Amino acid sequence: QVQLVESGGGLVQAGGSLRLSCAASGHTFSSYTMGWFRQAPGKEREFVATITWSGRSTTHADSVKGRFAISRDNAKNTVYLQMNSLKPEDTAVYYCAAKYYKGSWTYRGAHDYDYWGQGTQVTVSA
């Protein structure tokens, strides 16, 4: 089992940047594919980005492609989401998720993931 704790959220003006971090503990971090999801009020949880256990492959949602970048540091048991050129529509609670999988596929579905963090709020003002 793995525990996930997100940090780095906050209030930022449109056009600004934030970097989210997700620290993992409890199991071998490099055994997990990691993902970021977000959920805005009144909306379903949506996929943002995912990264394979090695960090070699990433996938980003079309809505964030070119603005957000997922990365990981297995030595620090941490996955990151660098968010640039933020827009008000990026406002949401951002969740980190882990899937026990050490292959090369990437996964976009929330149901694919085994463990979740509690989320961190990101608010982008116009």
Foldseek 3Di string as FASTA:
>chain_A
DKAKAKDWADEEAAQAKIKMKIAIDDDQLLQKKKFKWWDDPPGDIFGAKIAASVRPDMDGDPVQPPFWDWGDDSVRRMIMIIGGRDDQVVWTWMKMFIARHHDDDTDTDPVRTDDIYPTDTHGYHD
